[in-house]
Amino acid sequence: MFKIGDKVVYPMHGAGIIEAIEEKEVLGEKRKYFIMRLPIGDMKVMVPVDNVEDVGIRDIVDEDGYKDVMSILRDDRSAMPQNWNRRYRANMDRIKSGDIFEVAAVVRNLLLLDREKGLSTGERKMLSSAKQMLLSEMVLVTDSDIESVEKIVVEAIEFEAESEDEGETEEE
């Protein structure tokens, strides 16, 4: 059970801090809710306490998890379906999992694909929301501001892209 002050991830929304636990009446039914504040967009979310497991709320990753995320961001792009529709569905499944490592891989893959040949409008929106989810958790893990974390993420991926380009030059 989570408590006030815990830093948690709400899949498909991002990471936040539990600010309160309140009993509210919604649609004639009284239930306890976690009141979460998400750092990006300064949004508040109410999550029924008894739905936490069903929704997939989890603690944010620790320092080792952060290092693993950075490693994923620096990795090569993983194999993705060429068909954009299949790729979109596969990436959406990865994002819905709420697993930061899966979300990081989606962000990396889409940023590299965008750099290589551009993204469809749907994939551009997906990249934006996946990036927001990733950044929201990393902001809480590092206790940094959004701009600093975004710069670190983009630089990690650009470093990988530059390494790939240099490798191609040497092989030619």
C-alpha atoms as a PDB file:
ATOM      1  CA  MET A   1       0.000   0.000   0.000  1.00  0.00           C
ATOM      2  CA  PHE A   2       1.309   3.402  -0.937  1.00  0.00           C
ATOM      3  CA  LYS A   3       1.395   6.385   1.388  1.00  0.00           C
ATOM      4  CA  ILE A   4       1.509  10.172   1.141  1.00  0.00           C
ATOM      5  CA  GLY A   5       4.833  11.324  -0.297  1.00  0.00           C
ATOM      6  CA  ASP A   6       5.487   8.159  -2.316  1.00  0.00           C
ATOM      7  CA  LYS A   7       6.743   8.652  -5.869  1.00  0.00           C
ATOM      8  CA  VAL A   8       4.793   6.345  -8.160  1.00  0.00           C
ATOM      9  CA  VAL A   9       4.070   5.729 -11.838  1.00  0.00           C
ATOM     10  CA  TYR A  10       0.554   5.678 -13.242  1.00  0.00           C
ATOM     11  CA  PRO A  11       0.844   3.843 -16.600  1.00  0.00           C
ATOM     12  CA  MET A  12      -0.172   5.928 -19.624  1.00  0.00           C
ATOM     13  CA  HIS A  13      -0.075   9.094 -17.496  1.00  0.00           C
ATOM     14  CA  GLY A  14       3.427   9.238 -16.057  1.00  0.00           C
ATOM     15  CA  ALA A  15       5.049   9.560 -12.666  1.00  0.00           C
ATOM     16  CA  GLY A  16       3.854  11.631  -9.766  1.00  0.00           C
ATOM     17  CA  ILE A  17       3.798  12.067  -6.039  1.00  0.00           C
ATOM     18  CA  ILE A  18       0.940  10.949  -3.811  1.00  0.00           C
ATOM     19  CA  GLU A  19      -0.127  14.147  -2.065  1.00  0.00           C
ATOM     20  CA  ALA A  20      -3.182  12.899  -0.200  1.00  0.00           C
ATOM     21  CA  ILE A  21      -5.495   9.983   0.449  1.00  0.00           C
ATOM     22  CA  GLU A  22      -9.086  11.169   0.528  1.00  0.00           C
ATOM     23  CA  GLU A  23     -12.505   9.622   0.737  1.00  0.00           C
ATOM     24  CA  LYS A  24     -14.760  10.942  -2.013  1.00  0.00           C
ATOM     25  CA  GLU A  25     -18.226  10.175  -3.224  1.00  0.00           C
ATOM     26  CA  VAL A  26     -18.307   9.563  -6.956  1.00  0.00           C
ATOM     27  CA  LEU A  27     -21.492   8.422  -8.674  1.00  0.00           C
ATOM     28  CA  GLY A  28     -23.094   7.823  -5.285  1.00  0.00           C
ATOM     29  CA  GLU A  29     -20.307   5.523  -4.119  1.00  0.00           C
ATOM     30  CA  LYS A  30     -17.832   6.453  -1.360  1.00  0.00           C
ATOM     31  CA  ARG A  31     -14.283   5.274  -2.005  1.00  0.00           C
ATOM     32  CA  LYS A  32     -10.772   6.146  -0.916  1.00  0.00           C
ATOM     33  CA  TYR A  33      -8.587   7.785  -3.559  1.00  0.00           C
ATOM     34  CA  PHE A  34      -4.908   8.523  -3.929  1.00  0.00           C
ATOM     35  CA  ILE A  35      -4.520  12.119  -5.042  1.00  0.00           C
ATOM     36  CA  MET A  36      -1.420  12.279  -7.253  1.00  0.00           C
ATOM     37  CA  ARG A  37       0.313  15.354  -8.595  1.00  0.00           C
ATOM     38  CA  LEU A  38       2.147  14.799 -11.867  1.00  0.00           C
ATOM     39  CA  PRO A  39       5.139  17.141 -12.268  1.00  0.00           C
ATOM     40  CA  ILE A  40       4.715  17.606 -15.997  1.00  0.00           C
ATOM     41  CA  GLY A  41       1.716  19.773 -16.757  1.00  0.00           C
ATOM     42  CA  ASP A  42       1.075  20.126 -13.015  1.00  0.00           C
ATOM     43  CA  MET A  43      -1.880  17.757 -13.369  1.00  0.00           C
ATOM     44  CA  LYS A  44      -3.689  16.082 -10.468  1.00  0.00           C
ATOM     45  CA  VAL A  45      -5.080  12.574 -10.798  1.00  0.00           C
ATOM     46  CA  MET A  46      -7.408  10.622  -8.494  1.00  0.00           C
ATOM     47  CA  VAL A  47      -6.858   6.874  -8.404  1.00  0.00           C
ATOM     48  CA  PRO A  48      -9.161   4.599  -6.383  1.00  0.00           C
ATOM     49  CA  VAL A  49      -7.061   2.916  -3.681  1.00  0.00           C
ATOM     50  CA  ASP A  50      -8.720  -0.458  -4.373  1.00  0.00           C
ATOM     51  CA  ASN A  51      -7.842  -0.242  -8.116  1.00  0.00           C
ATOM     52  CA  VAL A  52      -4.107   0.338  -7.697  1.00  0.00           C
ATOM     53  CA  GLU A  53      -3.068  -3.188  -8.703  1.00  0.00           C
ATOM     54  CA  ASP A  54      -5.513  -3.355 -11.637  1.00  0.00           C
ATOM     55  CA  VAL A  55      -4.266  -0.013 -12.943  1.00  0.00           C
ATOM     56  CA  GLY A  56      -0.627  -1.064 -12.554  1.00  0.00           C
ATOM     57  CA  ILE A  57       0.618   1.732 -10.319  1.00  0.00           C
ATOM     58  CA  ARG A  58       4.193   1.035  -9.238  1.00  0.00           C
ATOM     59  CA  ASP A  59       7.086   2.725  -7.446  1.00  0.00           C
ATOM     60  CA  ILE A  60       9.464   4.771  -9.590  1.00  0.00           C
ATOM     61  CA  VAL A  61      12.757   3.105 -10.474  1.00  0.00           C
ATOM     62  CA  ASP A  62      15.813   3.532  -8.264  1.00  0.00           C
ATOM     63  CA  GLU A  63      19.290   4.763  -9.224  1.00  0.00           C
ATOM     64  CA  ASP A  64      20.175   1.391 -10.804  1.00  0.00           C
ATOM     65  CA  GLY A  65      16.971   1.528 -12.833  1.00  0.00           C
ATOM     66  CA  TYR A  66      17.890   5.036 -13.988  1.00  0.00           C
ATOM     67  CA  LYS A  67      21.288   3.754 -15.177  1.00  0.00           C
ATOM     68  CA  ASP A  68      19.531   0.916 -17.046  1.00  0.00           C
ATOM     69  CA  VAL A  69      17.222   3.451 -18.744  1.00  0.00           C
ATOM     70  CA  MET A  70      20.231   5.496 -19.857  1.00  0.00           C
ATOM     71  CA  SER A  71      21.836   2.328 -21.211  1.00  0.00           C
ATOM     72  CA  ILE A  72      18.681   1.543 -23.203  1.00  0.00           C
ATOM     73  CA  LEU A  73      18.617   5.078 -24.618  1.00  0.00           C
ATOM     74  CA  ARG A  74      22.216   4.648 -25.818  1.00  0.00           C
ATOM     75  CA  ASP A  75      21.533   1.229 -27.411  1.00  0.00           C
ATOM     76  CA  ASP A  76      20.939   0.587 -31.081  1.00  0.00           C
ATOM     77  CA  ARG A  77      17.400   0.832 -32.339  1.00  0.00           C
ATOM     78  CA  SER A  78      15.647  -2.493 -31.846  1.00  0.00           C
ATOM     79  CA  ALA A  79      13.933  -4.327 -34.679  1.00  0.00           C
ATOM     80  CA  MET A  80      10.507  -2.890 -35.445  1.00  0.00           C
ATOM     81  CA  PRO A  81       7.897  -3.879 -38.011  1.00  0.00           C
ATOM     82  CA  GLN A  82       8.303  -1.951 -41.275  1.00  0.00           C
ATOM     83  CA  ASN A  83       4.532  -1.557 -41.571  1.00  0.00           C
ATOM     84  CA  TRP A  84       3.727   1.609 -39.600  1.00  0.00           C
ATOM     85  CA  ASN A  85       0.380   0.198 -38.399  1.00  0.00           C
ATOM     86  CA  ARG A  86       2.002  -2.901 -36.859  1.00  0.00           C
ATOM     87  CA  ARG A  87       4.840  -0.783 -35.481  1.00  0.00           C
ATOM     88  CA  TYR A  88       2.312   1.602 -33.913  1.00  0.00           C
ATOM     89  CA  ARG A  89       0.412  -1.263 -32.235  1.00  0.00           C
ATOM     90  CA  ALA A  90       3.622  -2.894 -30.968  1.00  0.00           C
ATOM     91  CA  ASN A  91       4.857   0.404 -29.554  1.00  0.00           C
ATOM     92  CA  MET A  92       1.472   1.134 -27.951  1.00  0.00           C
ATOM     93  CA  ASP A  93       1.566  -2.256 -26.201  1.00  0.00           C
ATOM     94  CA  ARG A  94       5.033  -1.435 -24.872  1.00  0.00           C
ATOM     95  CA  ILE A  95       3.858   1.948 -23.575  1.00  0.00           C
ATOM     96  CA  LYS A  96       0.703   0.516 -21.967  1.00  0.00           C
ATOM     97  CA  SER A  97       2.848  -1.929 -19.990  1.00  0.00           C
ATOM     98  CA  GLY A  98       3.936   0.989 -17.791  1.00  0.00           C
ATOM     99  CA  ASP A  99       7.465  -0.467 -17.771  1.00  0.00           C
ATOM    100  CA  ILE A 100       9.961   2.417 -17.976  1.00  0.00           C
ATOM    101  CA  PHE A 101      12.441   0.229 -19.868  1.00  0.00           C
ATOM    102  CA  GLU A 102       9.850  -0.495 -22.573  1.00  0.00           C
ATOM    103  CA  VAL A 103       8.865   3.184 -22.740  1.00  0.00           C
ATOM    104  CA  ALA A 104      12.549   4.187 -23.022  1.00  0.00           C
ATOM    105  CA  ALA A 105      13.001   1.759 -25.921  1.00  0.00           C
ATOM    106  CA  VAL A 106       9.961   3.234 -27.705  1.00  0.00           C
ATOM    107  CA  VAL A 107      11.284   6.782 -27.217  1.00  0.00           C
ATOM    108  CA  ARG A 108      14.726   5.767 -28.500  1.00  0.00           C
ATOM    109  CA  ASN A 109      13.358   3.870 -31.495  1.00  0.00           C
ATOM    110  CA  LEU A 110      10.967   6.625 -32.547  1.00  0.00           C
ATOM    111  CA  LEU A 111      13.542   9.420 -32.125  1.00  0.00           C
ATOM    112  CA  LEU A 112      16.044   7.491 -34.243  1.00  0.00           C
ATOM    113  CA  LEU A 113      13.385   6.630 -36.835  1.00  0.00           C
ATOM    114  CA  ASP A 114      12.310  10.286 -36.956  1.00  0.00           C
ATOM    115  CA  ARG A 115      15.915  11.328 -37.544  1.00  0.00           C
ATOM    116  CA  GLU A 116      16.275   8.720 -40.289  1.00  0.00           C
ATOM    117  CA  LYS A 117      13.063   9.122 -42.260  1.00  0.00           C
ATOM    118  CA  GLY A 118      10.451  11.039 -40.284  1.00  0.00           C
ATOM    119  CA  LEU A 119       7.360   9.887 -38.415  1.00  0.00           C
ATOM    120  CA  SER A 120       3.688   9.779 -39.256  1.00  0.00           C
ATOM    121  CA  THR A 121       1.407  12.105 -37.306  1.00  0.00           C
ATOM    122  CA  GLY A 122       0.236   9.209 -35.108  1.00  0.00           C
ATOM    123  CA  GLU A 123       3.779   8.139 -34.318  1.00  0.00           C
ATOM    124  CA  ARG A 124       4.776  11.743 -33.607  1.00  0.00           C
ATOM    125  CA  LYS A 125       1.942  11.970 -31.030  1.00  0.00           C
ATOM    126  CA  MET A 126       2.977   8.609 -29.594  1.00  0.00           C
ATOM    127  CA  LEU A 127       6.578   9.807 -29.277  1.00  0.00           C
ATOM    128  CA  SER A 128       5.411  12.941 -27.501  1.00  0.00           C
ATOM    129  CA  SER A 129       3.328  11.059 -24.927  1.00  0.00           C
ATOM    130  CA  ALA A 130       5.952   8.310 -24.407  1.00  0.00           C
ATOM    131  CA  LYS A 131       8.627  10.963 -23.928  1.00  0.00           C
ATOM    132  CA  GLN A 132       6.430  12.757 -21.394  1.00  0.00           C
ATOM    133  CA  MET A 133       5.932   9.509 -19.437  1.00  0.00           C
ATOM    134  CA  LEU A 134       9.661   8.772 -19.489  1.00  0.00           C
ATOM    135  CA  LEU A 135      10.669  12.294 -18.513  1.00  0.00           C
ATOM    136  CA  SER A 136       8.116  12.501 -15.690  1.00  0.00           C
ATOM    137  CA  GLU A 137       9.646   9.460 -14.005  1.00  0.00           C
ATOM    138  CA  MET A 138      13.220  10.528 -14.631  1.00  0.00           C
ATOM    139  CA  VAL A 139      12.502  13.986 -13.164  1.00  0.00           C
ATOM    140  CA  LEU A 140      11.428  12.326  -9.910  1.00  0.00           C
ATOM    141  CA  VAL A 141      14.303   9.819  -9.902  1.00  0.00           C
ATOM    142  CA  THR A 142      16.978  12.475 -10.440  1.00  0.00           C
ATOM    143  CA  ASP A 143      15.199  15.259  -8.553  1.00  0.00           C
ATOM    144  CA  SER A 144      15.955  17.525 -11.529  1.00  0.00           C
ATOM    145  CA  ASP A 145      13.904  19.849 -13.692  1.00  0.00           C
ATOM    146  CA  ILE A 146      12.246  18.744 -16.922  1.00  0.00           C
ATOM    147  CA  GLU A 147      14.604  20.720 -19.181  1.00  0.00           C
ATOM    148  CA  SER A 148      17.739  19.113 -17.701  1.00  0.00           C
ATOM    149  CA  VAL A 149      16.313  15.603 -17.948  1.00  0.00           C
ATOM    150  CA  GLU A 150      15.093  16.105 -21.514  1.00  0.00           C
ATOM    151  CA  LYS A 151      18.549  17.327 -22.523  1.00  0.00           C
ATOM    152  CA  ILE A 152      20.156  14.225 -20.966  1.00  0.00           C
ATOM    153  CA  VAL A 153      17.717  11.915 -22.799  1.00  0.00           C
ATOM    154  CA  VAL A 154      18.182  13.588 -26.189  1.00  0.00           C
ATOM    155  CA  GLU A 155      21.968  13.693 -25.808  1.00  0.00           C
ATOM    156  CA  ALA A 156      22.068   9.974 -24.935  1.00  0.00           C
ATOM    157  CA  ILE A 157      20.104   9.103 -28.078  1.00  0.00           C
ATOM    158  CA  GLU A 158      22.042  11.547 -30.280  1.00  0.00           C
ATOM    159  CA  PHE A 159      25.299  10.050 -28.988  1.00  0.00           C
ATOM    160  CA  GLU A 160      24.089   6.650 -30.182  1.00  0.00           C
ATOM    161  CA  ALA A 161      22.991   8.040 -33.552  1.00  0.00           C
ATOM    162  CA  GLU A 162      26.381   9.716 -34.047  1.00  0.00           C
ATOM    163  CA  SER A 163      28.150   6.459 -33.121  1.00  0.00           C
ATOM    164  CA  GLU A 164      26.092   4.627 -35.750  1.00  0.00           C
ATOM    165  CA  ASP A 165      26.941   7.245 -38.380  1.00  0.00           C
ATOM    166  CA  GLU A 166      30.655   7.016 -37.586  1.00  0.00           C
ATOM    167  CA  GLY A 167      30.488   3.239 -37.860  1.00  0.00           C
ATOM    168  CA  GLU A 168      28.933   3.510 -41.318  1.00  0.00           C
ATOM    169  CA  THR A 169      31.657   5.901 -42.465  1.00  0.00           C
ATOM    170  CA  GLU A 170      34.417   3.543 -41.389  1.00  0.00           C
ATOM    171  CA  GLU A 171      32.839   0.578 -43.195  1.00  0.00           C
ATOM    172  CA  GLU A 172      32.488   2.385 -46.513  1.00  0.00           C
END
